[in-house]
Amino acid sequence: MAVLDMVQNMYNGFFILPIACALVCWLFACLLIYYFFSPLQPVKILGISIQGYLPAKQDFFVQSVSEKIELLLLQQKEQIKENIISQENLEKIMPEMEKHIDEFLTVKLPQDIPMLSMFIGEKTIHQIKEVFMKELRVLFPKILSTYLDKMLKPGNIQKLLKEKISNSSVSTIITGFKKRNTSSFTKIKILASVFGLIAGSLLSFVIFLFT
């Protein structure tokens, strides 16, 4: 009877240990993921200041991300400029610009200078608009190219990105990151549990052999 009880206890222990190890590893993974994001602000526990890894390293991440994005944009600077000021994009913009010029010549200009309408007819207005549009087709790409050169200077992009990211709420960024990576965090927890289960099973087997 005593032998049977001993065997029964060993049998039960063989399954309890792997489950316990799996549970411990799952809890450890949960705590690790929680600590990565929380707490947002430093909290003192027994005189020790504790803060989530990501919130604590916010400035470092902002600096690192802005540097990498700037480097990528600078490497693609000429291609970006070509895409923005391409003839195809210019043709898409011109109808809207023509609409504003037409409104300026036919509505706003006569309102501001009423006497001008006495000397300028529709034919003249049409000719002026054509001259404006022709000049804009030449000037607009040059102006835009000059503006992009100033914007895409080393330091400018990084400064702008740092301001935009820094102005964003840390909690908003973290919440968005969590939502996008929910499945990844679940996989980490499952892998930790499987690791604990395997480790516990091996440990139980070793104990079983030497008991």
N, C-alpha and C. Protein backbone atom coordinates (compact mmCIF):
# COMPACT_ATOMS: atom_id res chain seq x y z
N MET A 1 0.83 -1.22 0.00
CA MET A 1 0.00 0.00 0.00
C MET A 1 0.85 1.25 0.00
N ALA A 2 1.91 1.22 0.84
CA ALA A 2 2.82 2.36 0.91
C ALA A 2 3.51 2.59 -0.42
N VAL A 3 3.85 1.47 -1.09
CA VAL A 3 4.51 1.57 -2.39
C VAL A 3 3.58 2.20 -3.42
N LEU A 4 2.30 1.77 -3.35
CA LEU A 4 1.31 2.33 -4.28
C LEU A 4 1.12 3.83 -4.07
N ASP A 5 1.09 4.25 -2.78
CA ASP A 5 0.95 5.68 -2.47
C ASP A 5 2.15 6.46 -2.99
N MET A 6 3.35 5.88 -2.85
CA MET A 6 4.56 6.53 -3.31
C MET A 6 4.54 6.70 -4.84
N VAL A 7 4.12 5.63 -5.53
CA VAL A 7 4.03 5.68 -6.99
C VAL A 7 3.00 6.70 -7.43
N GLN A 8 1.86 6.72 -6.69
CA GLN A 8 0.80 7.67 -7.02
C GLN A 8 1.30 9.11 -6.85
N ASN A 9 2.03 9.37 -5.77
CA ASN A 9 2.56 10.71 -5.52
C ASN A 9 3.57 11.12 -6.59
N MET A 10 4.42 10.17 -6.99
CA MET A 10 5.39 10.45 -8.04
C MET A 10 4.69 10.73 -9.36
N TYR A 11 3.63 9.96 -9.60
CA TYR A 11 2.85 10.13 -10.84
C TYR A 11 2.21 11.51 -10.89
N ASN A 12 1.62 11.91 -9.74
CA ASN A 12 0.98 13.23 -9.66
C ASN A 12 2.03 14.35 -9.80
N GLY A 13 3.18 14.17 -9.14
CA GLY A 13 4.23 15.17 -9.20
C GLY A 13 4.81 15.31 -10.59
N PHE A 14 4.81 14.24 -11.35
CA PHE A 14 5.34 14.26 -12.71
C PHE A 14 4.55 15.22 -13.60
N PHE A 15 3.25 15.39 -13.32
CA PHE A 15 2.41 16.29 -14.12
C PHE A 15 2.28 17.68 -13.48
N ILE A 16 2.35 17.74 -12.17
CA ILE A 16 2.18 19.03 -11.47
C ILE A 16 3.34 19.97 -11.77
N LEU A 17 4.57 19.46 -11.76
CA LEU A 17 5.75 20.29 -11.97
C LEU A 17 5.77 20.95 -13.35
N PRO A 18 5.52 20.23 -14.44
CA PRO A 18 5.50 20.88 -15.76
C PRO A 18 4.43 21.99 -15.85
N ILE A 19 3.24 21.69 -15.27
CA ILE A 19 2.16 22.69 -15.30
C ILE A 19 2.56 23.93 -14.50
N ALA A 20 3.18 23.69 -13.34
CA ALA A 20 3.63 24.81 -12.50
C ALA A 20 4.69 25.64 -13.21
N CYS A 21 5.63 24.97 -13.87
CA CYS A 21 6.69 25.67 -14.61
C CYS A 21 6.11 26.47 -15.78
N ALA A 22 5.13 25.88 -16.47
CA ALA A 22 4.48 26.58 -17.59
C ALA A 22 3.76 27.83 -17.08
N LEU A 23 3.09 27.70 -15.94
CA LEU A 23 2.37 28.83 -15.36
C LEU A 23 3.34 29.94 -14.93
N VAL A 24 4.45 29.54 -14.32
CA VAL A 24 5.46 30.52 -13.87
C VAL A 24 6.05 31.27 -15.07
N CYS A 25 6.37 30.55 -16.13
CA CYS A 25 6.94 31.17 -17.33
C CYS A 25 5.92 32.10 -18.01
N TRP A 26 4.66 31.69 -18.00
CA TRP A 26 3.60 32.53 -18.59
C TRP A 26 3.48 33.83 -17.79
N LEU A 27 3.48 33.73 -16.46
CA LEU A 27 3.40 34.91 -15.60
C LEU A 27 4.61 35.82 -15.78
N PHE A 28 5.78 35.20 -15.94
CA PHE A 28 7.01 35.97 -16.14
C PHE A 28 6.94 36.76 -17.45
N ALA A 29 6.42 36.11 -18.51
CA ALA A 29 6.27 36.79 -19.81
C ALA A 29 5.29 37.95 -19.71
N CYS A 30 4.19 37.73 -18.98
CA CYS A 30 3.19 38.80 -18.78
C CYS A 30 3.80 39.99 -18.05
N LEU A 31 4.56 39.71 -17.00
CA LEU A 31 5.21 40.77 -16.23
C LEU A 31 6.25 41.51 -17.07
N LEU A 32 6.97 40.77 -17.88
CA LEU A 32 8.00 41.37 -18.73
C LEU A 32 7.37 42.32 -19.75
N ILE A 33 6.27 41.88 -20.37
CA ILE A 33 5.56 42.71 -21.35
C ILE A 33 4.96 43.94 -20.66
N TYR A 34 4.40 43.72 -19.45
CA TYR A 34 3.83 44.85 -18.71
C TYR A 34 4.91 45.87 -18.36
N TYR A 35 6.06 45.39 -17.89
CA TYR A 35 7.14 46.29 -17.50
C TYR A 35 7.69 47.05 -18.70
N PHE A 36 7.61 46.45 -19.87
CA PHE A 36 8.11 47.12 -21.08
C PHE A 36 7.34 48.41 -21.35
N PHE A 37 6.04 48.44 -20.99
CA PHE A 37 5.20 49.61 -21.28
C PHE A 37 4.82 50.42 -20.04
N SER A 38 4.81 49.80 -18.87
CA SER A 38 4.27 50.45 -17.67
C SER A 38 5.23 50.28 -16.49
N PRO A 39 5.10 51.20 -15.50
CA PRO A 39 4.25 52.40 -15.49
C PRO A 39 4.81 53.53 -16.36
N LEU A 40 3.91 54.43 -16.79
CA LEU A 40 4.31 55.53 -17.67
C LEU A 40 5.21 56.52 -16.94
N GLN A 41 4.86 56.79 -15.68
CA GLN A 41 5.64 57.71 -14.86
C GLN A 41 6.38 56.93 -13.77
N PRO A 42 7.55 57.44 -13.34
CA PRO A 42 8.31 56.73 -12.29
C PRO A 42 7.50 56.55 -11.02
N VAL A 43 7.52 55.35 -10.48
CA VAL A 43 6.82 55.03 -9.24
C VAL A 43 7.83 54.47 -8.24
N LYS A 44 7.80 54.98 -7.01
CA LYS A 44 8.74 54.53 -5.99
C LYS A 44 8.14 53.39 -5.18
N ILE A 45 8.85 52.27 -5.16
CA ILE A 45 8.45 51.10 -4.36
C ILE A 45 9.62 50.74 -3.47
N LEU A 46 9.40 50.86 -2.17
CA LEU A 46 10.45 50.61 -1.18
C LEU A 46 11.70 51.45 -1.46
N GLY A 47 11.43 52.70 -1.87
CA GLY A 47 12.54 53.62 -2.12
C GLY A 47 13.21 53.46 -3.47
N ILE A 48 12.75 52.47 -4.25
CA ILE A 48 13.34 52.23 -5.58
C ILE A 48 12.40 52.78 -6.65
N SER A 49 12.93 53.63 -7.54
CA SER A 49 12.13 54.22 -8.61
C SER A 49 11.98 53.23 -9.76
N ILE A 50 10.74 52.96 -10.12
CA ILE A 50 10.45 51.99 -11.19
C ILE A 50 9.62 52.67 -12.27
N GLN A 51 10.04 52.49 -13.52
CA GLN A 51 9.29 53.03 -14.66
C GLN A 51 9.41 52.05 -15.83
N GLY A 52 8.37 52.01 -16.65
CA GLY A 52 8.38 51.13 -17.81
C GLY A 52 9.58 51.41 -18.70
N TYR A 53 10.09 50.36 -19.35
CA TYR A 53 11.30 50.50 -20.18
C TYR A 53 11.08 51.50 -21.31
N LEU A 54 9.97 51.37 -22.04
CA LEU A 54 9.70 52.25 -23.18
C LEU A 54 9.50 53.71 -22.76
N PRO A 55 8.66 53.98 -21.73
CA PRO A 55 8.53 55.39 -21.28
C PRO A 55 9.84 55.98 -20.78
N ALA A 56 10.66 55.16 -20.10
CA ALA A 56 11.93 55.64 -19.57
C ALA A 56 12.92 55.97 -20.68
N LYS A 57 12.81 55.23 -21.79
CA LYS A 57 13.73 55.42 -22.91
C LYS A 57 13.09 56.23 -24.04
N GLN A 58 12.06 57.00 -23.73
CA GLN A 58 11.33 57.74 -24.76
C GLN A 58 12.24 58.65 -25.58
N ASP A 59 13.05 59.45 -24.88
CA ASP A 59 13.94 60.39 -25.58
C ASP A 59 14.91 59.66 -26.50
N PHE A 60 15.42 58.55 -26.02
CA PHE A 60 16.36 57.76 -26.83
C PHE A 60 15.68 57.22 -28.09
N PHE A 61 14.46 56.69 -27.93
CA PHE A 61 13.73 56.14 -29.07
C PHE A 61 13.37 57.23 -30.07
N VAL A 62 12.94 58.40 -29.56
CA VAL A 62 12.59 59.52 -30.43
C VAL A 62 13.80 59.94 -31.26
N GLN A 63 14.94 60.05 -30.59
CA GLN A 63 16.19 60.44 -31.27
C GLN A 63 16.59 59.40 -32.31
N SER A 64 16.52 58.13 -31.93
CA SER A 64 16.93 57.04 -32.81
C SER A 64 16.01 56.95 -34.04
N VAL A 65 14.70 57.00 -33.80
CA VAL A 65 13.73 56.90 -34.90
C VAL A 65 13.86 58.07 -35.87
N SER A 66 13.97 59.29 -35.32
CA SER A 66 14.07 60.49 -36.16
C SER A 66 15.36 60.47 -36.99
N GLU A 67 16.45 59.99 -36.42
CA GLU A 67 17.71 59.89 -37.15
C GLU A 67 17.61 58.91 -38.32
N LYS A 68 16.99 57.75 -38.06
CA LYS A 68 16.88 56.73 -39.10
C LYS A 68 15.95 57.17 -40.23
N ILE A 69 14.84 57.82 -39.87
CA ILE A 69 13.91 58.29 -40.89
C ILE A 69 14.57 59.39 -41.73
N GLU A 70 15.29 60.30 -41.06
CA GLU A 70 15.99 61.37 -41.78
C GLU A 70 17.02 60.79 -42.74
N LEU A 71 17.80 59.82 -42.27
CA LEU A 71 18.81 59.19 -43.12
C LEU A 71 18.18 58.55 -44.34
N LEU A 72 17.05 57.87 -44.13
CA LEU A 72 16.34 57.21 -45.23
C LEU A 72 15.83 58.23 -46.25
N LEU A 73 15.26 59.33 -45.75
CA LEU A 73 14.73 60.37 -46.63
C LEU A 73 15.84 61.07 -47.40
N LEU A 74 16.97 61.33 -46.73
CA LEU A 74 18.09 61.99 -47.40
C LEU A 74 18.69 61.10 -48.49
N GLN A 75 18.70 59.79 -48.25
CA GLN A 75 19.21 58.86 -49.26
C GLN A 75 18.31 58.83 -50.49
N GLN A 76 17.01 59.08 -50.26
CA GLN A 76 16.04 59.06 -51.36
C GLN A 76 15.63 60.47 -51.79
N LYS A 77 16.43 61.46 -51.42
CA LYS A 77 16.07 62.87 -51.63
C LYS A 77 15.73 63.19 -53.09
N GLU A 78 16.62 62.84 -53.99
CA GLU A 78 16.42 63.16 -55.40
C GLU A 78 15.21 62.44 -55.98
N GLN A 79 15.02 61.20 -55.57
CA GLN A 79 13.87 60.43 -56.06
C GLN A 79 12.57 61.04 -55.54
N ILE A 80 12.58 61.48 -54.27
CA ILE A 80 11.39 62.12 -53.69
C ILE A 80 11.06 63.39 -54.45
N LYS A 81 12.09 64.19 -54.73
CA LYS A 81 11.88 65.44 -55.47
C LYS A 81 11.31 65.18 -56.86
N GLU A 82 11.88 64.19 -57.53
CA GLU A 82 11.42 63.85 -58.88
C GLU A 82 9.96 63.41 -58.88
N ASN A 83 9.60 62.62 -57.87
CA ASN A 83 8.22 62.13 -57.79
C ASN A 83 7.24 63.26 -57.52
N ILE A 84 7.63 64.19 -56.63
CA ILE A 84 6.72 65.28 -56.26
C ILE A 84 6.54 66.28 -57.40
N ILE A 85 7.66 66.64 -58.05
CA ILE A 85 7.58 67.68 -59.10
C ILE A 85 7.53 67.06 -60.50
N SER A 86 7.09 65.84 -60.58
CA SER A 86 6.99 65.18 -61.89
C SER A 86 5.91 65.85 -62.75
N GLN A 87 6.02 65.66 -64.03
CA GLN A 87 5.06 66.26 -64.97
C GLN A 87 3.65 65.75 -64.71
N GLU A 88 3.56 64.50 -64.32
CA GLU A 88 2.24 63.90 -64.04
C GLU A 88 1.55 64.61 -62.87
N ASN A 89 2.31 64.85 -61.81
CA ASN A 89 1.75 65.55 -60.65
C ASN A 89 1.43 67.00 -60.97
N LEU A 90 2.28 67.61 -61.80
CA LEU A 90 2.05 69.00 -62.21
C LEU A 90 0.74 69.14 -62.98
N GLU A 91 0.47 68.18 -63.84
CA GLU A 91 -0.77 68.20 -64.63
C GLU A 91 -1.99 68.03 -63.73
N LYS A 92 -1.83 67.33 -62.62
CA LYS A 92 -2.94 67.17 -61.69
C LYS A 92 -3.22 68.46 -60.91
N ILE A 93 -2.17 69.24 -60.67
CA ILE A 93 -2.30 70.47 -59.89
C ILE A 93 -2.80 71.63 -60.75
N MET A 94 -2.39 71.66 -62.01
CA MET A 94 -2.67 72.81 -62.87
C MET A 94 -4.15 73.18 -63.00
N PRO A 95 -5.07 72.21 -63.14
CA PRO A 95 -6.49 72.60 -63.23
C PRO A 95 -6.97 73.39 -62.02
N GLU A 96 -6.52 73.01 -60.83
CA GLU A 96 -6.91 73.73 -59.61
C GLU A 96 -6.30 75.13 -59.59
N MET A 97 -5.05 75.24 -60.03
CA MET A 97 -4.39 76.54 -60.09
C MET A 97 -5.06 77.43 -61.14
N GLU A 98 -5.42 76.82 -62.27
CA GLU A 98 -6.10 77.57 -63.33
C GLU A 98 -7.43 78.11 -62.84
N LYS A 99 -8.12 77.32 -62.04
CA LYS A 99 -9.40 77.72 -61.46
C LYS A 99 -9.24 78.95 -60.57
N HIS A 100 -8.20 78.97 -59.74
CA HIS A 100 -7.96 80.10 -58.83
C HIS A 100 -7.52 81.35 -59.60
N ILE A 101 -6.70 81.15 -60.62
CA ILE A 101 -6.25 82.30 -61.44
C ILE A 101 -7.44 82.90 -62.19
N ASP A 102 -8.30 82.04 -62.72
CA ASP A 102 -9.49 82.50 -63.44
C ASP A 102 -10.40 83.31 -62.51
N GLU A 103 -10.57 82.81 -61.27
CA GLU A 103 -11.39 83.52 -60.29
C GLU A 103 -10.76 84.88 -59.93
N PHE A 104 -9.43 84.89 -59.83
CA PHE A 104 -8.73 86.13 -59.50
C PHE A 104 -8.91 87.17 -60.60
N LEU A 105 -8.76 86.74 -61.86
CA LEU A 105 -8.83 87.69 -62.99
C LEU A 105 -10.24 88.16 -63.30
N THR A 106 -11.21 87.26 -63.14
CA THR A 106 -12.59 87.60 -63.53
C THR A 106 -13.45 88.14 -62.38
N VAL A 107 -13.07 87.84 -61.12
CA VAL A 107 -13.90 88.25 -59.98
C VAL A 107 -13.17 89.21 -59.04
N LYS A 108 -12.05 88.75 -58.48
CA LYS A 108 -11.38 89.53 -57.43
C LYS A 108 -10.71 90.78 -57.96
N LEU A 109 -10.03 90.66 -59.11
CA LEU A 109 -9.33 91.82 -59.68
C LEU A 109 -10.29 92.95 -60.04
N PRO A 110 -11.41 92.67 -60.74
CA PRO A 110 -12.38 93.76 -61.03
C PRO A 110 -12.98 94.37 -59.76
N GLN A 111 -13.13 93.56 -58.71
CA GLN A 111 -13.66 94.08 -57.45
C GLN A 111 -12.68 95.03 -56.78
N ASP A 112 -11.40 94.68 -56.82
CA ASP A 112 -10.37 95.51 -56.19
C ASP A 112 -10.04 96.74 -57.04
N ILE A 113 -10.04 96.55 -58.37
CA ILE A 113 -9.75 97.67 -59.29
C ILE A 113 -10.87 97.74 -60.32
N PRO A 114 -11.99 98.36 -59.98
CA PRO A 114 -13.15 98.40 -60.88
C PRO A 114 -12.85 99.04 -62.24
N MET A 115 -12.01 100.06 -62.27
CA MET A 115 -11.72 100.76 -63.53
C MET A 115 -11.01 99.86 -64.52
N LEU A 116 -10.31 98.84 -64.01
CA LEU A 116 -9.56 97.94 -64.89
C LEU A 116 -10.48 97.17 -65.83
N SER A 117 -11.67 96.84 -65.34
CA SER A 117 -12.63 96.09 -66.16
C SER A 117 -13.14 96.89 -67.35
N MET A 118 -12.98 98.21 -67.29
CA MET A 118 -13.41 99.06 -68.40
C MET A 118 -12.44 98.96 -69.58
N PHE A 119 -11.19 98.56 -69.30
CA PHE A 119 -10.17 98.53 -70.36
C PHE A 119 -9.78 97.10 -70.76
N ILE A 120 -10.17 96.14 -69.94
CA ILE A 120 -9.78 94.76 -70.22
C ILE A 120 -11.03 93.91 -70.49
N GLY A 121 -11.08 93.30 -71.67
CA GLY A 121 -12.21 92.45 -72.02
C GLY A 121 -11.91 90.98 -71.74
N GLU A 122 -12.84 90.14 -72.10
CA GLU A 122 -12.69 88.70 -71.85
C GLU A 122 -11.51 88.10 -72.63
N LYS A 123 -11.33 88.63 -73.85
CA LYS A 123 -10.22 88.11 -74.67
C LYS A 123 -8.87 88.41 -74.01
N THR A 124 -8.74 89.63 -73.50
CA THR A 124 -7.49 90.03 -72.84
C THR A 124 -7.27 89.22 -71.56
N ILE A 125 -8.35 89.03 -70.81
CA ILE A 125 -8.27 88.24 -69.58
C ILE A 125 -7.82 86.81 -69.89
N HIS A 126 -8.36 86.27 -70.99
CA HIS A 126 -7.98 84.91 -71.40
C HIS A 126 -6.50 84.85 -71.77
N GLN A 127 -6.01 85.89 -72.46
CA GLN A 127 -4.61 85.93 -72.85
C GLN A 127 -3.70 86.04 -71.61
N ILE A 128 -4.13 86.89 -70.65
CA ILE A 128 -3.35 87.06 -69.41
C ILE A 128 -3.30 85.73 -68.66
N LYS A 129 -4.43 85.03 -68.63
CA LYS A 129 -4.48 83.74 -67.92
C LYS A 129 -3.54 82.73 -68.57
N GLU A 130 -3.50 82.74 -69.89
CA GLU A 130 -2.60 81.82 -70.60
C GLU A 130 -1.14 82.11 -70.29
N VAL A 131 -0.81 83.41 -70.21
CA VAL A 131 0.56 83.80 -69.87
C VAL A 131 0.90 83.34 -68.45
N PHE A 132 -0.05 83.57 -67.52
CA PHE A 132 0.14 83.14 -66.12
C PHE A 132 0.36 81.64 -66.03
N MET A 133 -0.48 80.88 -66.71
CA MET A 133 -0.40 79.43 -66.66
C MET A 133 0.92 78.92 -67.25
N LYS A 134 1.33 79.56 -68.35
CA LYS A 134 2.59 79.17 -68.98
C LYS A 134 3.77 79.43 -68.05
N GLU A 135 3.74 80.60 -67.38
CA GLU A 135 4.81 80.95 -66.45
C GLU A 135 4.81 80.04 -65.22
N LEU A 136 3.61 79.69 -64.76
CA LEU A 136 3.50 78.83 -63.59
C LEU A 136 4.06 77.43 -63.86
N ARG A 137 3.87 76.95 -65.07
CA ARG A 137 4.39 75.63 -65.43
C ARG A 137 5.92 75.59 -65.33
N VAL A 138 6.52 76.75 -65.56
CA VAL A 138 7.98 76.84 -65.47
C VAL A 138 8.43 77.12 -64.03
N LEU A 139 7.74 78.06 -63.37
CA LEU A 139 8.15 78.51 -62.04
C LEU A 139 7.82 77.53 -60.92
N PHE A 140 6.64 76.91 -61.02
CA PHE A 140 6.18 76.07 -59.92
C PHE A 140 7.16 74.93 -59.59
N PRO A 141 7.64 74.16 -60.58
CA PRO A 141 8.61 73.09 -60.26
C PRO A 141 9.89 73.64 -59.63
N LYS A 142 10.35 74.83 -60.11
CA LYS A 142 11.58 75.42 -59.56
C LYS A 142 11.38 75.86 -58.11
N ILE A 143 10.24 76.50 -57.84
CA ILE A 143 9.94 76.96 -56.47
C ILE A 143 9.81 75.76 -55.53
N LEU A 144 9.09 74.74 -55.99
CA LEU A 144 8.88 73.55 -55.17
C LEU A 144 10.20 72.82 -54.93
N SER A 145 11.05 72.77 -55.94
CA SER A 145 12.35 72.12 -55.81
C SER A 145 13.22 72.85 -54.78
N THR A 146 13.20 74.19 -54.83
CA THR A 146 13.97 74.99 -53.88
C THR A 146 13.45 74.77 -52.45
N TYR A 147 12.12 74.72 -52.32
CA TYR A 147 11.52 74.51 -51.00
C TYR A 147 11.89 73.13 -50.45
N LEU A 148 11.86 72.12 -51.31
CA LEU A 148 12.19 70.75 -50.88
C LEU A 148 13.66 70.64 -50.48
N ASP A 149 14.53 71.37 -51.20
CA ASP A 149 15.95 71.38 -50.85
C ASP A 149 16.16 71.91 -49.44
N LYS A 150 15.41 72.95 -49.09
CA LYS A 150 15.52 73.53 -47.75
C LYS A 150 14.95 72.58 -46.69
N MET A 151 13.82 71.95 -47.03
CA MET A 151 13.18 71.05 -46.09
C MET A 151 14.00 69.78 -45.85
N LEU A 152 14.64 69.29 -46.92
CA LEU A 152 15.36 68.02 -46.84
C LEU A 152 16.84 68.20 -46.52
N LYS A 153 17.15 69.27 -45.81
CA LYS A 153 18.52 69.47 -45.34
C LYS A 153 18.76 68.64 -44.08
N PRO A 154 19.99 68.13 -43.91
CA PRO A 154 20.30 67.37 -42.68
C PRO A 154 20.01 68.21 -41.44
N GLY A 155 19.28 67.64 -40.52
CA GLY A 155 18.92 68.33 -39.28
C GLY A 155 17.50 68.84 -39.28
N ASN A 156 17.02 69.33 -40.44
CA ASN A 156 15.66 69.87 -40.52
C ASN A 156 14.60 68.79 -40.32
N ILE A 157 14.79 67.68 -41.02
CA ILE A 157 13.81 66.58 -40.93
C ILE A 157 13.80 66.01 -39.52
N GLN A 158 15.01 65.80 -38.98
CA GLN A 158 15.12 65.23 -37.64
C GLN A 158 14.45 66.13 -36.60
N LYS A 159 14.66 67.44 -36.73
CA LYS A 159 14.06 68.39 -35.80
C LYS A 159 12.54 68.35 -35.87
N LEU A 160 12.01 68.32 -37.09
CA LEU A 160 10.56 68.28 -37.29
C LEU A 160 9.96 66.99 -36.74
N LEU A 161 10.61 65.87 -37.01
CA LEU A 161 10.12 64.57 -36.54
C LEU A 161 10.15 64.50 -35.01
N LYS A 162 11.23 64.99 -34.41
CA LYS A 162 11.34 64.98 -32.95
C LYS A 162 10.23 65.80 -32.31
N GLU A 163 9.92 66.94 -32.92
CA GLU A 163 8.84 67.79 -32.39
C GLU A 163 7.50 67.08 -32.49
N LYS A 164 7.24 66.47 -33.64
CA LYS A 164 5.96 65.79 -33.85
C LYS A 164 5.80 64.59 -32.92
N ILE A 165 6.86 63.78 -32.81
CA ILE A 165 6.79 62.58 -31.97
C ILE A 165 6.72 62.96 -30.50
N SER A 166 7.52 63.96 -30.10
CA SER A 166 7.55 64.39 -28.70
C SER A 166 6.22 64.98 -28.27
N ASN A 167 5.55 65.66 -29.21
CA ASN A 167 4.25 66.26 -28.89
C ASN A 167 3.13 65.23 -28.77
N SER A 168 3.38 64.04 -29.31
CA SER A 168 2.39 62.97 -29.20
C SER A 168 2.41 62.41 -27.78
N SER A 169 1.24 62.03 -27.30
CA SER A 169 1.13 61.46 -25.97
C SER A 169 1.81 60.09 -25.93
N VAL A 170 2.60 59.85 -24.89
CA VAL A 170 3.28 58.56 -24.74
C VAL A 170 2.26 57.44 -24.64
N SER A 171 1.19 57.69 -23.90
CA SER A 171 0.15 56.67 -23.73
C SER A 171 -0.51 56.34 -25.06
N THR A 172 -0.68 57.35 -25.93
CA THR A 172 -1.28 57.13 -27.25
C THR A 172 -0.38 56.25 -28.10
N ILE A 173 0.92 56.55 -28.09
CA ILE A 173 1.88 55.76 -28.86
C ILE A 173 1.91 54.31 -28.37
N ILE A 174 1.95 54.15 -27.05
CA ILE A 174 2.02 52.81 -26.46
C ILE A 174 0.75 52.03 -26.76
N THR A 175 -0.41 52.68 -26.63
CA THR A 175 -1.68 52.01 -26.92
C THR A 175 -1.73 51.53 -28.36
N GLY A 176 -1.29 52.39 -29.28
CA GLY A 176 -1.26 52.01 -30.69
C GLY A 176 -0.30 50.86 -30.96
N PHE A 177 0.85 50.90 -30.30
CA PHE A 177 1.85 49.83 -30.45
C PHE A 177 1.31 48.50 -29.94
N LYS A 178 0.61 48.56 -28.80
CA LYS A 178 0.03 47.34 -28.22
C LYS A 178 -1.01 46.73 -29.15
N LYS A 179 -1.86 47.57 -29.71
CA LYS A 179 -2.93 47.08 -30.59
C LYS A 179 -2.35 46.41 -31.84
N ARG A 180 -1.28 47.01 -32.39
CA ARG A 180 -0.68 46.46 -33.61
C ARG A 180 0.10 45.18 -33.35
N ASN A 181 0.50 44.96 -32.11
CA ASN A 181 1.35 43.80 -31.80
C ASN A 181 0.71 42.83 -30.80
N THR A 182 -0.61 42.87 -30.69
CA THR A 182 -1.31 41.98 -29.76
C THR A 182 -1.01 40.51 -30.04
N SER A 183 -1.04 40.14 -31.31
CA SER A 183 -0.79 38.73 -31.67
C SER A 183 0.64 38.32 -31.33
N SER A 184 1.58 39.25 -31.50
CA SER A 184 2.99 38.95 -31.19
C SER A 184 3.17 38.71 -29.69
N PHE A 185 2.50 39.54 -28.88
CA PHE A 185 2.60 39.37 -27.42
C PHE A 185 1.98 38.05 -26.98
N THR A 186 0.88 37.68 -27.62
CA THR A 186 0.23 36.40 -27.31
C THR A 186 1.16 35.23 -27.64
N LYS A 187 1.85 35.33 -28.78
CA LYS A 187 2.80 34.28 -29.18
C LYS A 187 3.94 34.16 -28.17
N ILE A 188 4.41 35.32 -27.68
CA ILE A 188 5.50 35.31 -26.69
C ILE A 188 5.05 34.58 -25.43
N LYS A 189 3.83 34.86 -24.98
CA LYS A 189 3.29 34.20 -23.78
C LYS A 189 3.14 32.69 -24.00
N ILE A 190 2.66 32.32 -25.17
CA ILE A 190 2.49 30.88 -25.49
C ILE A 190 3.84 30.18 -25.54
N LEU A 191 4.82 30.81 -26.20
CA LEU A 191 6.17 30.23 -26.28
C LEU A 191 6.79 30.07 -24.90
N ALA A 192 6.58 31.09 -24.04
CA ALA A 192 7.10 31.01 -22.67
C ALA A 192 6.45 29.85 -21.93
N SER A 193 5.15 29.67 -22.11
CA SER A 193 4.44 28.57 -21.45
C SER A 193 4.94 27.21 -21.95
N VAL A 194 5.13 27.11 -23.27
CA VAL A 194 5.63 25.86 -23.86
C VAL A 194 7.03 25.55 -23.34
N PHE A 195 7.88 26.60 -23.27
CA PHE A 195 9.23 26.42 -22.73
C PHE A 195 9.18 25.92 -21.29
N GLY A 196 8.31 26.54 -20.48
CA GLY A 196 8.15 26.12 -19.09
C GLY A 196 7.65 24.69 -18.99
N LEU A 197 6.72 24.33 -19.86
CA LEU A 197 6.16 22.97 -19.86
C LEU A 197 7.24 21.94 -20.20
N ILE A 198 8.06 22.25 -21.22
CA ILE A 198 9.13 21.33 -21.62
C ILE A 198 10.19 21.21 -20.52
N ALA A 199 10.58 22.40 -19.97
CA ALA A 199 11.59 22.40 -18.90
C ALA A 199 11.08 21.63 -17.68
N GLY A 200 9.82 21.85 -17.33
CA GLY A 200 9.23 21.15 -16.20
C GLY A 200 9.13 19.66 -16.43
N SER A 201 8.82 19.28 -17.65
CA SER A 201 8.72 17.85 -17.99
C SER A 201 10.08 17.17 -17.88
N LEU A 202 11.12 17.84 -18.38
CA LEU A 202 12.47 17.29 -18.29
C LEU A 202 12.92 17.16 -16.84
N LEU A 203 12.60 18.19 -16.06
CA LEU A 203 12.97 18.17 -14.64
C LEU A 203 12.23 17.05 -13.91
N SER A 204 10.95 16.89 -14.22
CA SER A 204 10.16 15.81 -13.61
C SER A 204 10.71 14.44 -13.97
N PHE A 205 11.13 14.31 -15.25
CA PHE A 205 11.68 13.03 -15.71
C PHE A 205 12.99 12.70 -14.97
N VAL A 206 13.83 13.75 -14.80
CA VAL A 206 15.11 13.55 -14.09
C VAL A 206 14.83 13.14 -12.63
N ILE A 207 13.89 13.85 -11.99
CA ILE A 207 13.53 13.52 -10.60
C ILE A 207 12.98 12.10 -10.51
N PHE A 208 12.13 11.75 -11.49
CA PHE A 208 11.54 10.41 -11.51
C PHE A 208 12.60 9.31 -11.64
N LEU A 209 13.63 9.59 -12.44
CA LEU A 209 14.68 8.60 -12.65
C LEU A 209 15.52 8.37 -11.40
N PHE A 210 15.78 9.49 -10.66
CA PHE A 210 16.68 9.38 -9.51
C PHE A 210 15.95 9.24 -8.18
N THR A 211 14.65 9.05 -8.24
CA THR A 211 13.89 8.87 -6.99
C THR A 211 13.62 7.38 -6.74
